[in-house]
């Protein structure tokens, strides 16, 4: 795990990985995107250890990716809802899923697909140039240090 001081790591990716880079974190986000909200449902869907889930959900709440909202008074019970910042990881989850579908294929079709609610078309992540507006292929991209 990267250090929390970011010495020598002037990098937005490094900072993001400090929050979402642990294995279970994006799977929790994926489950939330699929509609999971309650602790027991996360436990069941992910087959994750209770203590690990507690730590990851606490961290997601602390960093503002999820909020803990009461849904029952007696006894008090909470559900976990994605915030706007958490929903902003939709592209990341879809991009990693599509990468896995392309590069780590299984014999069966992929178990999940991202569909557009408006028309049921399949959603795909693409790179687009802000200058010319054209779709850009991976081999047409160079990552440059700007400071």
C-alpha atoms as a PDB file:
ATOM      1  CA  UNK A   1       0.000   0.000   0.000  1.00  0.00           C
ATOM      2  CA  UNK A   2       1.259   3.454  -0.811  1.00  0.00           C
ATOM      3  CA  UNK A   3       2.136   5.750   2.043  1.00  0.00           C
ATOM      4  CA  UNK A   4      -0.294   8.445   3.107  1.00  0.00           C
ATOM      5  CA  UNK A   5       2.244  11.265   2.723  1.00  0.00           C
ATOM      6  CA  UNK A   6       2.570  10.915  -1.075  1.00  0.00           C
ATOM      7  CA  UNK A   7       6.264  11.793  -0.894  1.00  0.00           C
ATOM      8  CA  UNK A   8       7.504  11.544  -4.444  1.00  0.00           C
ATOM      9  CA  UNK A   9       3.988  10.585  -5.580  1.00  0.00           C
ATOM     10  CA  UNK A  10       2.577  13.761  -7.122  1.00  0.00           C
ATOM     11  CA  UNK A  11      -0.115  11.697  -8.777  1.00  0.00           C
ATOM     12  CA  UNK A  12      -3.913  11.751  -8.678  1.00  0.00           C
ATOM     13  CA  UNK A  13      -3.976   8.013  -9.367  1.00  0.00           C
ATOM     14  CA  UNK A  14      -1.809   7.317  -6.296  1.00  0.00           C
ATOM     15  CA  UNK A  15      -4.145   9.405  -4.116  1.00  0.00           C
ATOM     16  CA  UNK A  16      -7.227   7.669  -5.550  1.00  0.00           C
ATOM     17  CA  UNK A  17      -5.722   4.226  -4.964  1.00  0.00           C
ATOM     18  CA  UNK A  18      -5.240   5.067  -1.303  1.00  0.00           C
ATOM     19  CA  UNK A  19      -9.034   5.159  -1.034  1.00  0.00           C
ATOM     20  CA  UNK A  20     -10.305   2.677  -3.643  1.00  0.00           C
ATOM     21  CA  UNK A  21      -7.260   0.546  -4.443  1.00  0.00           C
ATOM     22  CA  UNK A  22      -7.840  -2.233  -1.932  1.00  0.00           C
ATOM     23  CA  UNK A  23      -9.384  -5.356  -3.501  1.00  0.00           C
ATOM     24  CA  UNK A  24     -12.741  -5.306  -1.722  1.00  0.00           C
ATOM     25  CA  UNK A  25     -13.432  -1.597  -2.091  1.00  0.00           C
ATOM     26  CA  UNK A  26     -14.396  -1.538  -5.770  1.00  0.00           C
ATOM     27  CA  UNK A  27     -16.396  -4.746  -5.303  1.00  0.00           C
ATOM     28  CA  UNK A  28     -18.375  -2.968  -2.564  1.00  0.00           C
ATOM     29  CA  UNK A  29     -18.890  -0.010  -4.916  1.00  0.00           C
ATOM     30  CA  UNK A  30     -19.984  -2.415  -7.678  1.00  0.00           C
ATOM     31  CA  UNK A  31     -22.503  -4.030  -5.316  1.00  0.00           C
ATOM     32  CA  UNK A  32     -23.832  -0.611  -4.345  1.00  0.00           C
ATOM     33  CA  UNK A  33     -24.205   0.287  -8.027  1.00  0.00           C
ATOM     34  CA  UNK A  34     -26.197  -2.945  -8.415  1.00  0.00           C
ATOM     35  CA  UNK A  35     -28.538  -1.766  -5.643  1.00  0.00           C
ATOM     36  CA  UNK A  36     -27.076  -3.277  -2.476  1.00  0.00           C
ATOM     37  CA  UNK A  37     -27.537  -0.976   0.532  1.00  0.00           C
ATOM     38  CA  UNK A  38     -27.647  -3.041   3.692  1.00  0.00           C
ATOM     39  CA  UNK A  39     -24.716  -4.510   5.581  1.00  0.00           C
ATOM     40  CA  UNK A  40     -26.084  -8.075   5.558  1.00  0.00           C
ATOM     41  CA  UNK A  41     -26.740  -7.885   1.816  1.00  0.00           C
ATOM     42  CA  UNK A  42     -23.123  -6.806   1.196  1.00  0.00           C
ATOM     43  CA  UNK A  43     -21.986  -9.736   3.372  1.00  0.00           C
ATOM     44  CA  UNK A  44     -24.116 -12.199   1.432  1.00  0.00           C
ATOM     45  CA  UNK A  45     -23.406 -10.850  -2.069  1.00  0.00           C
ATOM     46  CA  UNK A  46     -19.658 -10.500  -1.632  1.00  0.00           C
ATOM     47  CA  UNK A  47     -18.909 -13.362   0.767  1.00  0.00           C
ATOM     48  CA  UNK A  48     -16.598 -10.966   2.594  1.00  0.00           C
ATOM     49  CA  UNK A  49     -15.521 -11.221   6.240  1.00  0.00           C
ATOM     50  CA  UNK A  50     -17.651  -9.083   8.562  1.00  0.00           C
ATOM     51  CA  UNK A  51     -14.660  -7.194  10.004  1.00  0.00           C
ATOM     52  CA  UNK A  52     -13.255  -6.434   6.541  1.00  0.00           C
ATOM     53  CA  UNK A  53     -16.634  -5.154   5.334  1.00  0.00           C
ATOM     54  CA  UNK A  54     -16.999  -2.973   8.433  1.00  0.00           C
ATOM     55  CA  UNK A  55     -13.562  -1.415   7.846  1.00  0.00           C
ATOM     56  CA  UNK A  56     -14.145  -0.816   4.140  1.00  0.00           C
ATOM     57  CA  UNK A  57     -17.617   0.709   4.618  1.00  0.00           C
ATOM     58  CA  UNK A  58     -16.302   2.937   7.417  1.00  0.00           C
ATOM     59  CA  UNK A  59     -13.490   4.136   5.151  1.00  0.00           C
ATOM     60  CA  UNK A  60     -15.889   4.796   2.256  1.00  0.00           C
ATOM     61  CA  UNK A  61     -18.110   6.844   4.576  1.00  0.00           C
ATOM     62  CA  UNK A  62     -15.106   8.746   6.001  1.00  0.00           C
ATOM     63  CA  UNK A  63     -13.985   9.679   2.481  1.00  0.00           C
ATOM     64  CA  UNK A  64     -17.468  10.713   1.372  1.00  0.00           C
ATOM     65  CA  UNK A  65     -18.075   7.966  -1.187  1.00  0.00           C
ATOM     66  CA  UNK A  66     -20.966   6.502   0.801  1.00  0.00           C
ATOM     67  CA  UNK A  67     -23.269   7.785   3.478  1.00  0.00           C
ATOM     68  CA  UNK A  68     -24.660   5.821   6.400  1.00  0.00           C
ATOM     69  CA  UNK A  69     -28.423   6.433   6.656  1.00  0.00           C
ATOM     70  CA  UNK A  70     -30.769   5.001   9.315  1.00  0.00           C
ATOM     71  CA  UNK A  71     -33.673   2.996   7.930  1.00  0.00           C
ATOM     72  CA  UNK A  72     -35.038   1.532  11.180  1.00  0.00           C
ATOM     73  CA  UNK A  73     -35.391   2.896  14.720  1.00  0.00           C
ATOM     74  CA  UNK A  74     -35.784  -0.156  16.973  1.00  0.00           C
ATOM     75  CA  UNK A  75     -33.200  -1.479  16.829  1.00  0.00           C
ATOM     76  CA  UNK A  76     -31.373   1.248  14.975  1.00  0.00           C
ATOM     77  CA  UNK A  77     -30.189  -0.062  11.616  1.00  0.00           C
ATOM     78  CA  UNK A  78     -28.402   1.739   8.822  1.00  0.00           C
ATOM     79  CA  UNK A  79     -27.999   1.338   5.111  1.00  0.00           C
ATOM     80  CA  UNK A  80     -25.134   2.550   2.959  1.00  0.00           C
ATOM     81  CA  UNK A  81     -25.905   4.777  -0.005  1.00  0.00           C
ATOM     82  CA  UNK A  82     -23.510   6.005  -2.649  1.00  0.00           C
ATOM     83  CA  UNK A  83     -22.895   9.739  -2.653  1.00  0.00           C
ATOM     84  CA  UNK A  84     -22.296  11.710  -5.849  1.00  0.00           C
ATOM     85  CA  UNK A  85     -18.567  11.078  -5.330  1.00  0.00           C
ATOM     86  CA  UNK A  86     -19.216   7.331  -5.005  1.00  0.00           C
ATOM     87  CA  UNK A  87     -21.452   7.256  -8.095  1.00  0.00           C
ATOM     88  CA  UNK A  88     -18.645   9.023  -9.939  1.00  0.00           C
ATOM     89  CA  UNK A  89     -16.799   5.681  -9.767  1.00  0.00           C
ATOM     90  CA  UNK A  90     -19.360   4.191 -12.181  1.00  0.00           C
ATOM     91  CA  UNK A  91     -17.012   4.852 -15.114  1.00  0.00           C
ATOM     92  CA  UNK A  92     -14.118   3.232 -13.258  1.00  0.00           C
ATOM     93  CA  UNK A  93     -16.113   0.107 -12.424  1.00  0.00           C
ATOM     94  CA  UNK A  94     -17.421  -0.190 -15.993  1.00  0.00           C
ATOM     95  CA  UNK A  95     -13.953   0.417 -17.480  1.00  0.00           C
ATOM     96  CA  UNK A  96     -12.337  -2.268 -15.291  1.00  0.00           C
ATOM     97  CA  UNK A  97     -15.194  -4.683 -15.982  1.00  0.00           C
ATOM     98  CA  UNK A  98     -14.893  -4.165 -19.740  1.00  0.00           C
ATOM     99  CA  UNK A  99     -11.113  -4.593 -19.510  1.00  0.00           C
ATOM    100  CA  UNK A 100     -11.684  -7.899 -17.695  1.00  0.00           C
ATOM    101  CA  UNK A 101     -14.255  -9.006 -20.283  1.00  0.00           C
ATOM    102  CA  UNK A 102     -11.741  -8.330 -23.099  1.00  0.00           C
ATOM    103  CA  UNK A 103      -8.522  -9.529 -21.473  1.00  0.00           C
ATOM    104  CA  UNK A 104      -9.612 -12.200 -18.987  1.00  0.00           C
ATOM    105  CA  UNK A 105     -12.470 -13.908 -20.833  1.00  0.00           C
ATOM    106  CA  UNK A 106     -14.408 -16.858 -19.463  1.00  0.00           C
ATOM    107  CA  UNK A 107     -16.112 -19.659 -21.384  1.00  0.00           C
ATOM    108  CA  UNK A 108     -19.516 -18.158 -20.616  1.00  0.00           C
ATOM    109  CA  UNK A 109     -20.640 -14.657 -21.530  1.00  0.00           C
ATOM    110  CA  UNK A 110     -19.839 -11.929 -18.984  1.00  0.00           C
ATOM    111  CA  UNK A 111     -22.135 -12.088 -15.914  1.00  0.00           C
ATOM    112  CA  UNK A 112     -22.918  -8.354 -15.935  1.00  0.00           C
ATOM    113  CA  UNK A 113     -23.495  -5.626 -18.475  1.00  0.00           C
ATOM    114  CA  UNK A 114     -23.924  -1.878 -18.166  1.00  0.00           C
ATOM    115  CA  UNK A 115     -27.156  -0.787 -19.840  1.00  0.00           C
ATOM    116  CA  UNK A 116     -28.542   2.674 -20.512  1.00  0.00           C
ATOM    117  CA  UNK A 117     -31.769   3.128 -18.528  1.00  0.00           C
ATOM    118  CA  UNK A 118     -33.212   5.357 -21.266  1.00  0.00           C
ATOM    119  CA  UNK A 119     -33.115   2.866 -24.145  1.00  0.00           C
ATOM    120  CA  UNK A 120     -31.553  -0.381 -22.809  1.00  0.00           C
ATOM    121  CA  UNK A 121     -28.535   0.014 -25.090  1.00  0.00           C
ATOM    122  CA  UNK A 122     -25.200  -1.259 -23.784  1.00  0.00           C
ATOM    123  CA  UNK A 123     -22.929   1.412 -22.287  1.00  0.00           C
ATOM    124  CA  UNK A 124     -19.250   1.399 -23.267  1.00  0.00           C
ATOM    125  CA  UNK A 125     -16.414   3.521 -21.915  1.00  0.00           C
ATOM    126  CA  UNK A 126     -14.494   5.428 -24.559  1.00  0.00           C
ATOM    127  CA  UNK A 127     -11.752   8.018 -24.700  1.00  0.00           C
ATOM    128  CA  UNK A 128     -12.673  11.285 -26.423  1.00  0.00           C
ATOM    129  CA  UNK A 129     -10.440  14.237 -27.238  1.00  0.00           C
ATOM    130  CA  UNK A 130     -11.494  17.549 -25.671  1.00  0.00           C
ATOM    131  CA  UNK A 131      -9.824  19.435 -28.553  1.00  0.00           C
ATOM    132  CA  UNK A 132     -11.343  17.837 -31.655  1.00  0.00           C
ATOM    133  CA  UNK A 133     -14.166  15.824 -30.064  1.00  0.00           C
ATOM    134  CA  UNK A 134     -13.074  12.633 -31.848  1.00  0.00           C
ATOM    135  CA  UNK A 135     -13.082   9.185 -30.211  1.00  0.00           C
ATOM    136  CA  UNK A 136      -9.460   8.220 -29.478  1.00  0.00           C
ATOM    137  CA  UNK A 137      -7.930   4.722 -29.496  1.00  0.00           C
ATOM    138  CA  UNK A 138      -5.623   3.586 -26.676  1.00  0.00           C
ATOM    139  CA  UNK A 139      -2.538   3.668 -28.904  1.00  0.00           C
ATOM    140  CA  UNK A 140      -3.235   7.331 -29.755  1.00  0.00           C
ATOM    141  CA  UNK A 141      -2.820   8.425 -26.112  1.00  0.00           C
ATOM    142  CA  UNK A 142       0.328   9.573 -24.387  1.00  0.00           C
ATOM    143  CA  UNK A 143       0.388  10.429 -20.676  1.00  0.00           C
ATOM    144  CA  UNK A 144       2.549  13.466 -19.987  1.00  0.00           C
ATOM    145  CA  UNK A 145       3.796  15.088 -16.819  1.00  0.00           C
ATOM    146  CA  UNK A 146       2.521  18.694 -16.816  1.00  0.00           C
ATOM    147  CA  UNK A 147       4.296  19.946 -13.727  1.00  0.00           C
END
